[in-house]
N, C-alpha and C. Protein backbone atom coordinates (compact mmCIF):
# COMPACT_ATOMS: atom_id res chain seq x y z
N UNK A 1 -109.32 -65.36 71.48
CA UNK A 1 -109.98 -64.20 70.43
C UNK A 1 -111.08 -63.99 71.13
N UNK A 2 -111.60 -62.60 70.53
CA UNK A 2 -113.33 -62.02 70.61
C UNK A 2 -113.99 -62.99 69.57
N UNK A 3 -115.29 -63.24 70.33
CA UNK A 3 -116.06 -63.70 69.26
C UNK A 3 -117.45 -63.35 69.83
N UNK A 4 -117.65 -61.70 69.38
CA UNK A 4 -118.66 -60.89 69.98
C UNK A 4 -119.90 -60.92 68.94
N UNK A 5 -119.42 -60.99 67.74
CA UNK A 5 -120.96 -61.65 66.47
C UNK A 5 -121.11 -62.54 67.07
N UNK A 6 -120.51 -63.44 67.44
CA UNK A 6 -120.67 -64.61 67.40
C UNK A 6 -121.89 -65.17 68.94
N UNK A 7 -121.32 -64.68 69.69
CA UNK A 7 -122.19 -64.58 70.91
C UNK A 7 -123.38 -64.18 71.15
N UNK A 8 -123.38 -63.13 69.97
CA UNK A 8 -124.64 -61.56 69.67
C UNK A 8 -125.63 -62.13 68.99
N UNK A 9 -125.16 -63.30 68.23
CA UNK A 9 -125.96 -64.03 66.87
C UNK A 9 -126.41 -64.99 67.88
N UNK A 10 -125.76 -65.48 68.57
CA UNK A 10 -126.34 -67.02 69.29
C UNK A 10 -127.47 -66.79 70.24
N UNK A 11 -127.19 -65.24 70.89
CA UNK A 11 -127.94 -65.31 72.07
C UNK A 11 -129.01 -64.76 71.37
N UNK A 12 -129.29 -63.61 70.26
CA UNK A 12 -130.42 -63.41 69.99
C UNK A 12 -131.28 -64.45 69.60
N UNK A 13 -130.54 -65.34 68.99
CA UNK A 13 -131.71 -66.70 68.31
C UNK A 13 -132.22 -67.36 69.39
N UNK A 14 -131.28 -67.72 70.82
CA UNK A 14 -132.09 -68.08 71.80
C UNK A 14 -132.92 -67.32 72.38
N UNK A 15 -132.96 -65.96 72.51
CA UNK A 15 -134.26 -65.29 72.75
C UNK A 15 -135.26 -65.32 71.73
N UNK A 16 -135.42 -65.57 70.77
CA UNK A 16 -136.52 -65.54 70.03
C UNK A 16 -136.71 -67.26 70.08
N UNK A 17 -135.74 -68.13 70.16
CA UNK A 17 -136.34 -69.53 70.25
C UNK A 17 -137.06 -69.80 71.57
N UNK A 18 -136.82 -68.81 72.81
CA UNK A 18 -137.11 -68.93 73.77
C UNK A 18 -138.76 -68.65 73.96
N UNK A 19 -138.69 -67.39 73.38
CA UNK A 19 -140.25 -67.08 73.04
C UNK A 19 -141.17 -68.13 72.29
N UNK A 20 -140.43 -68.76 71.16
CA UNK A 20 -141.28 -70.07 70.77
C UNK A 20 -142.02 -71.05 71.22
N UNK A 21 -140.32 -71.07 72.28
CA UNK A 21 -141.02 -72.31 73.57
C UNK A 21 -141.71 -72.19 74.19
N UNK A 22 -141.93 -70.93 75.06
CA UNK A 22 -143.18 -70.73 75.55
C UNK A 22 -144.31 -70.19 74.69
N UNK A 23 -144.64 -70.03 73.32
CA UNK A 23 -145.64 -70.21 72.87
C UNK A 23 -145.77 -71.47 72.70
N UNK A 24 -144.83 -72.50 72.60
CA UNK A 24 -145.18 -74.17 71.88
C UNK A 24 -146.02 -74.54 73.27
N UNK A 25 -145.68 -74.27 74.30
CA UNK A 25 -146.27 -74.63 75.69
C UNK A 25 -147.18 -74.09 76.01
N UNK A 26 -147.87 -72.83 75.78
CA UNK A 26 -149.25 -71.93 75.46
C UNK A 26 -149.86 -73.01 75.01
N UNK A 27 -149.67 -73.40 73.64
CA UNK A 27 -150.31 -74.30 72.74
C UNK A 27 -150.77 -75.71 73.19
N UNK A 28 -149.64 -75.98 73.85
CA UNK A 28 -149.87 -77.64 74.08
C UNK A 28 -150.50 -77.48 75.93
N UNK A 29 -150.98 -76.50 76.11
CA UNK A 29 -151.55 -76.31 77.95
C UNK A 29 -152.77 -75.93 77.63
N UNK A 30 -152.94 -75.52 76.69
CA UNK A 30 -154.84 -74.91 76.62
C UNK A 30 -155.73 -76.26 76.57
N UNK A 31 -156.76 -75.87 76.95
CA UNK A 31 -157.71 -76.93 77.01
C UNK A 31 -158.64 -77.10 75.86
N UNK A 32 -158.62 -78.69 75.21
CA UNK A 32 -158.68 -78.70 74.04
C UNK A 32 -160.52 -78.88 73.83
N UNK A 33 -160.96 -78.70 75.00
CA UNK A 33 -162.36 -78.69 75.06
C UNK A 33 -163.02 -77.69 74.47
N UNK A 34 -162.79 -76.36 75.23
CA UNK A 34 -162.51 -74.93 75.22
C UNK A 34 -162.23 -74.27 74.01
N UNK A 35 -161.15 -75.29 73.59
CA UNK A 35 -160.47 -74.90 72.53
C UNK A 35 -161.85 -75.39 70.85
N UNK A 36 -162.06 -76.10 70.95
CA UNK A 36 -162.88 -76.90 70.03
C UNK A 36 -164.60 -76.43 70.01
N UNK A 37 -164.93 -75.40 71.70
CA UNK A 37 -165.95 -74.76 71.59
C UNK A 37 -165.89 -73.54 70.71
N UNK A 38 -165.01 -72.89 70.98
CA UNK A 38 -164.72 -71.44 70.37
C UNK A 38 -164.01 -71.95 68.74
N UNK A 39 -163.58 -73.03 68.36
CA UNK A 39 -163.67 -73.14 66.60
C UNK A 39 -164.97 -73.28 66.17
N UNK A 40 -166.03 -73.94 67.31
CA UNK A 40 -167.32 -74.30 66.72
C UNK A 40 -167.88 -73.16 66.82
N UNK A 41 -168.23 -72.41 67.92
CA UNK A 41 -168.70 -71.24 67.91
C UNK A 41 -168.51 -69.97 66.82
N UNK A 42 -167.04 -70.06 66.65
CA UNK A 42 -166.74 -69.44 65.40
C UNK A 42 -167.34 -68.53 63.78
N UNK A 43 -168.41 -70.02 64.04
CA UNK A 43 -169.46 -69.81 62.71
C UNK A 43 -169.10 -70.09 61.41
N UNK A 44 -168.14 -71.22 61.69
CA UNK A 44 -167.21 -71.64 60.23
C UNK A 44 -168.19 -72.82 59.59
N UNK A 45 -167.93 -73.10 58.62
CA UNK A 45 -168.47 -74.61 58.35
C UNK A 45 -167.66 -75.74 58.26
N UNK A 46 -166.91 -75.87 59.56
CA UNK A 46 -166.13 -77.10 60.08
C UNK A 46 -167.07 -77.70 60.58
N UNK A 47 -166.97 -79.17 60.27
CA UNK A 47 -167.73 -80.64 61.34
C UNK A 47 -166.88 -80.73 62.37
N UNK A 48 -167.30 -81.28 63.23
CA UNK A 48 -166.89 -81.69 64.42
C UNK A 48 -165.66 -82.03 64.17
N UNK A 49 -165.28 -83.65 63.62
CA UNK A 49 -163.98 -83.94 63.03
C UNK A 49 -163.23 -83.11 62.35
N UNK A 50 -163.36 -82.12 61.98
CA UNK A 50 -162.37 -81.43 61.54
C UNK A 50 -161.99 -80.35 62.52
N UNK A 51 -162.88 -80.15 63.68
CA UNK A 51 -162.59 -79.21 64.60
C UNK A 51 -161.72 -79.95 65.60
N UNK A 52 -162.10 -81.32 65.74
CA UNK A 52 -160.90 -82.15 66.39
C UNK A 52 -159.98 -82.33 66.28
N UNK A 53 -159.21 -82.33 64.48
CA UNK A 53 -158.24 -82.84 63.72
C UNK A 53 -157.43 -81.52 64.05
N UNK A 54 -158.47 -80.00 63.76
CA UNK A 54 -157.41 -79.16 64.39
C UNK A 54 -156.59 -79.07 65.51
N UNK A 55 -157.67 -79.11 66.62
CA UNK A 55 -157.36 -78.94 67.85
C UNK A 55 -155.99 -80.30 67.95
N UNK A 56 -156.03 -81.52 67.43
CA UNK A 56 -154.85 -82.34 67.78
C UNK A 56 -153.94 -82.25 66.81
N UNK A 57 -153.98 -81.27 65.65
CA UNK A 57 -152.77 -80.89 64.92
C UNK A 57 -152.04 -79.90 65.72
N UNK A 58 -152.90 -78.62 66.61
CA UNK A 58 -151.98 -77.71 67.47
C UNK A 58 -151.46 -78.39 68.32
N UNK A 59 -151.97 -79.42 69.07
CA UNK A 59 -151.15 -79.85 70.22
C UNK A 59 -150.02 -80.78 69.55
N UNK A 60 -150.14 -81.46 68.14
CA UNK A 60 -148.69 -81.75 68.23
C UNK A 60 -147.78 -80.93 67.59
N UNK A 61 -148.08 -80.18 66.95
CA UNK A 61 -147.29 -78.71 66.67
C UNK A 61 -146.62 -78.04 67.82
N UNK A 62 -146.98 -77.67 68.61
CA UNK A 62 -146.80 -77.46 70.00
C UNK A 62 -145.57 -78.18 70.67
N UNK A 63 -145.89 -79.42 70.60
CA UNK A 63 -145.23 -80.25 71.41
C UNK A 63 -143.86 -80.43 70.47
N UNK A 64 -143.88 -81.03 69.10
CA UNK A 64 -143.00 -81.00 68.38
C UNK A 64 -142.06 -79.42 68.47
N UNK A 65 -142.54 -78.65 68.48
CA UNK A 65 -141.99 -76.87 69.26
C UNK A 65 -141.03 -76.78 70.59
N UNK A 66 -141.97 -77.65 71.33
CA UNK A 66 -141.10 -77.47 72.38
C UNK A 66 -140.20 -78.50 73.22
N UNK A 67 -140.26 -79.70 72.30
CA UNK A 67 -139.12 -80.36 71.92
C UNK A 67 -137.84 -79.63 71.17
N UNK A 68 -138.08 -79.84 70.11
CA UNK A 68 -137.04 -78.62 69.65
C UNK A 68 -136.39 -77.58 69.93
N UNK A 69 -137.20 -76.89 70.73
CA UNK A 69 -136.88 -75.83 71.23
C UNK A 69 -135.75 -75.97 72.27
N UNK A 70 -136.08 -76.92 72.93
CA UNK A 70 -135.27 -77.17 74.60
C UNK A 70 -134.12 -77.83 73.95
N UNK A 71 -133.64 -78.13 73.13
CA UNK A 71 -133.17 -78.93 72.42
C UNK A 71 -132.10 -78.24 71.54
N UNK A 72 -132.63 -77.44 71.22
CA UNK A 72 -131.72 -76.39 70.20
C UNK A 72 -130.83 -75.69 71.74
N UNK A 73 -131.87 -75.21 72.44
CA UNK A 73 -131.15 -73.99 73.41
C UNK A 73 -130.23 -74.71 74.25
N UNK A 74 -130.38 -76.00 74.42
CA UNK A 74 -128.81 -76.75 75.15
C UNK A 74 -128.22 -76.38 74.55
N UNK A 75 -128.37 -76.78 73.27
CA UNK A 75 -126.84 -77.14 72.40
C UNK A 75 -126.48 -75.38 72.02
N UNK A 76 -127.44 -74.46 72.26
CA UNK A 76 -126.78 -72.99 72.30
C UNK A 76 -125.78 -72.69 73.44
N UNK A 77 -126.52 -72.93 74.87
CA UNK A 77 -125.88 -72.75 75.94
C UNK A 77 -124.61 -73.73 76.16
N UNK A 78 -124.63 -74.53 75.35
CA UNK A 78 -123.30 -75.45 75.55
C UNK A 78 -121.95 -74.98 74.78
N UNK A 79 -122.70 -74.48 73.41
CA UNK A 79 -121.65 -73.65 72.65
C UNK A 79 -121.28 -71.87 73.11
N UNK A 80 -122.29 -71.42 73.76
CA UNK A 80 -121.32 -70.45 74.31
C UNK A 80 -120.37 -70.23 75.66
N UNK A 81 -121.13 -71.20 75.90
CA UNK A 81 -119.90 -71.87 77.43
C UNK A 81 -118.42 -72.33 76.36
N UNK A 82 -118.48 -72.70 75.44
CA UNK A 82 -116.97 -73.25 74.91
C UNK A 82 -116.42 -72.22 74.00
N UNK A 83 -117.58 -71.32 73.39
CA UNK A 83 -117.21 -69.65 72.98
C UNK A 83 -116.32 -69.08 74.37
N UNK A 84 -117.16 -68.64 75.58
CA UNK A 84 -116.28 -67.87 76.18
C UNK A 84 -115.68 -68.61 76.99
N UNK A 85 -115.37 -70.03 77.09
CA UNK A 85 -114.26 -70.41 77.44
C UNK A 85 -112.86 -69.87 76.45
N UNK A 86 -112.71 -70.07 75.20
CA UNK A 86 -111.80 -69.80 73.96
C UNK A 86 -111.29 -70.97 73.64
N UNK A 87 -111.74 -72.32 74.31
CA UNK A 87 -111.07 -73.76 74.03
C UNK A 87 -112.16 -74.12 73.28
N UNK A 88 -112.44 -75.08 72.11
CA UNK A 88 -112.98 -75.80 71.95
C UNK A 88 -113.86 -74.79 70.98
N UNK A 89 -113.35 -74.20 70.22
CA UNK A 89 -114.04 -73.14 69.18
C UNK A 89 -114.96 -73.61 68.33
N UNK A 90 -114.23 -74.74 67.86
CA UNK A 90 -114.84 -75.63 66.53
C UNK A 90 -116.04 -76.34 66.89
N UNK A 91 -115.91 -76.68 68.02
CA UNK A 91 -117.28 -77.13 68.32
C UNK A 91 -118.18 -76.61 69.41
N UNK A 92 -117.84 -75.50 69.34
CA UNK A 92 -119.37 -74.46 69.56
C UNK A 92 -119.61 -73.89 68.43
N UNK A 93 -118.82 -73.87 67.03
CA UNK A 93 -119.46 -73.76 65.75
C UNK A 93 -120.39 -74.68 65.63
N UNK A 94 -119.62 -75.89 65.60
CA UNK A 94 -120.57 -77.28 64.70
C UNK A 94 -121.96 -77.67 65.87
N UNK A 95 -121.77 -77.51 67.08
CA UNK A 95 -123.19 -76.82 67.76
C UNK A 95 -124.14 -75.71 67.54
N UNK A 96 -123.45 -74.88 67.08
CA UNK A 96 -124.47 -73.78 66.74
C UNK A 96 -124.97 -73.65 65.64
N UNK A 97 -124.11 -74.86 64.55
CA UNK A 97 -124.87 -75.33 63.37
C UNK A 97 -126.40 -76.05 63.57
N UNK A 98 -125.93 -76.98 64.64
CA UNK A 98 -126.91 -78.12 64.84
C UNK A 98 -127.64 -77.84 65.49
N UNK A 99 -127.74 -76.58 66.23
CA UNK A 99 -128.77 -76.24 67.13
C UNK A 99 -129.58 -75.35 65.46
N UNK A 100 -128.99 -74.76 64.83
CA UNK A 100 -129.92 -73.94 63.98
C UNK A 100 -130.49 -75.44 62.85
N UNK A 101 -129.87 -75.98 62.92
CA UNK A 101 -130.47 -77.68 62.27
C UNK A 101 -131.57 -78.06 63.40
N UNK A 102 -131.45 -78.30 64.34
CA UNK A 102 -132.85 -78.91 65.24
C UNK A 102 -134.15 -77.35 65.39
N UNK A 103 -133.74 -76.26 65.12
CA UNK A 103 -134.52 -75.28 65.27
C UNK A 103 -135.31 -75.08 64.19
N UNK A 104 -135.10 -75.70 63.22
CA UNK A 104 -135.49 -75.74 61.34
C UNK A 104 -136.75 -75.00 61.38
N UNK A 105 -138.22 -75.41 62.69
CA UNK A 105 -139.35 -75.11 62.42
C UNK A 105 -139.59 -73.48 62.90
N UNK A 106 -138.52 -73.24 63.52
CA UNK A 106 -137.99 -71.49 63.69
C UNK A 106 -137.40 -71.07 62.46
N UNK A 107 -137.70 -70.13 61.79
CA UNK A 107 -136.84 -70.10 60.71
C UNK A 107 -135.98 -68.88 60.63
N UNK A 108 -136.30 -67.66 61.97
CA UNK A 108 -135.19 -66.72 61.95
C UNK A 108 -133.93 -67.49 63.01
N UNK A 109 -134.51 -67.97 64.26
CA UNK A 109 -133.42 -68.41 65.04
C UNK A 109 -132.64 -69.39 64.40
N UNK A 110 -132.80 -70.23 63.54
CA UNK A 110 -132.28 -71.49 62.80
C UNK A 110 -131.17 -70.42 61.55
N UNK A 111 -131.51 -69.04 61.08
CA UNK A 111 -130.46 -68.95 60.25
C UNK A 111 -129.26 -68.17 60.86
N UNK A 112 -130.25 -67.94 62.57
CA UNK A 112 -129.33 -66.86 63.38
C UNK A 112 -128.01 -68.03 63.60
N UNK A 113 -128.62 -69.32 64.09
CA UNK A 113 -127.65 -70.12 64.32
C UNK A 113 -126.46 -70.44 63.34
N UNK A 114 -126.73 -70.77 62.50
CA UNK A 114 -126.63 -71.41 61.65
C UNK A 114 -125.46 -70.13 61.02
N UNK A 115 -125.58 -68.93 61.07
CA UNK A 115 -125.20 -68.03 60.75
C UNK A 115 -123.39 -67.42 61.72
N UNK A 116 -124.05 -67.69 62.78
CA UNK A 116 -122.83 -67.98 63.88
C UNK A 116 -122.17 -69.09 63.90
N UNK A 117 -122.60 -70.40 63.61
CA UNK A 117 -121.87 -71.43 63.46
C UNK A 117 -120.22 -71.20 62.45
N UNK A 118 -121.03 -70.76 61.30
CA UNK A 118 -119.90 -70.61 60.09
C UNK A 118 -119.03 -69.57 60.26
N UNK A 119 -119.92 -68.16 60.93
CA UNK A 119 -118.52 -67.74 61.48
C UNK A 119 -117.65 -67.56 62.65
N UNK A 120 -118.41 -68.57 63.60
CA UNK A 120 -117.43 -69.45 64.28
C UNK A 120 -116.21 -69.83 63.63
N UNK A 121 -116.56 -70.94 62.58
CA UNK A 121 -115.69 -71.69 61.94
C UNK A 121 -114.77 -70.96 61.22
N UNK A 122 -115.26 -70.05 60.28
CA UNK A 122 -114.66 -69.59 59.36
C UNK A 122 -113.27 -68.30 60.45
N UNK A 123 -113.53 -68.22 60.91
CA UNK A 123 -112.33 -67.38 61.65
C UNK A 123 -111.70 -67.63 62.13
N UNK A 124 -110.31 -67.32 61.47
CA UNK A 124 -109.22 -67.93 61.41
C UNK A 124 -108.22 -67.33 62.65
N UNK A 125 -107.66 -68.02 63.57
CA UNK A 125 -106.76 -67.77 64.92
C UNK A 125 -105.54 -66.84 64.30
N UNK A 126 -105.88 -65.41 64.96
CA UNK A 126 -104.09 -65.01 64.72
C UNK A 126 -103.14 -65.16 65.18
N UNK A 127 -102.20 -65.35 64.05
CA UNK A 127 -101.05 -65.54 63.87
C UNK A 127 -99.88 -64.80 65.00
N UNK A 128 -99.29 -65.35 66.09
CA UNK A 128 -97.90 -64.53 66.94
C UNK A 128 -97.21 -64.01 65.73
N UNK A 129 -96.83 -64.97 64.66
CA UNK A 129 -95.76 -64.49 63.91
C UNK A 129 -95.80 -63.19 62.97
N UNK A 130 -95.21 -62.11 62.70
CA UNK A 130 -95.28 -60.92 62.19
C UNK A 130 -94.30 -61.01 61.22
N UNK A 131 -94.53 -59.85 60.24
CA UNK A 131 -93.38 -59.60 59.19
C UNK A 131 -92.38 -58.26 59.27
N UNK A 132 -93.11 -57.62 60.52
CA UNK A 132 -92.13 -56.17 60.91
C UNK A 132 -90.72 -56.22 60.80
N UNK A 133 -90.61 -57.63 61.28
CA UNK A 133 -89.08 -57.57 61.31
C UNK A 133 -87.88 -58.01 60.00
N UNK A 134 -88.91 -57.97 59.03
CA UNK A 134 -88.14 -58.76 57.49
C UNK A 134 -87.76 -57.77 56.66
């Protein structure tokens, strides 16, 4: 059975998820001292402790984004393999829903993964039985 809609939604979500992964890697790889200098030079009324806390928060969010993006991309690739083979479509649907749950920080990919997973689980296989002869 063709699963073009599910595969297209999963690929679109995967591309957006990959862009979020790149964004997370960039925020983790930033030089903390340079970022602290830029925040201090911005002329805001932040204390040095506030600037340090902001930098640590950005690093933490970036790390979490990277970890969950990698996990959801792995789940998406596994589900696409199952959907392309045609065997294990229910498992592929559940993997897409699980990918949506793990990428909950990224709203658009999470919604697309869940929609594709529900579409996979809700589609009924075509029956070979025909009513034409009755």
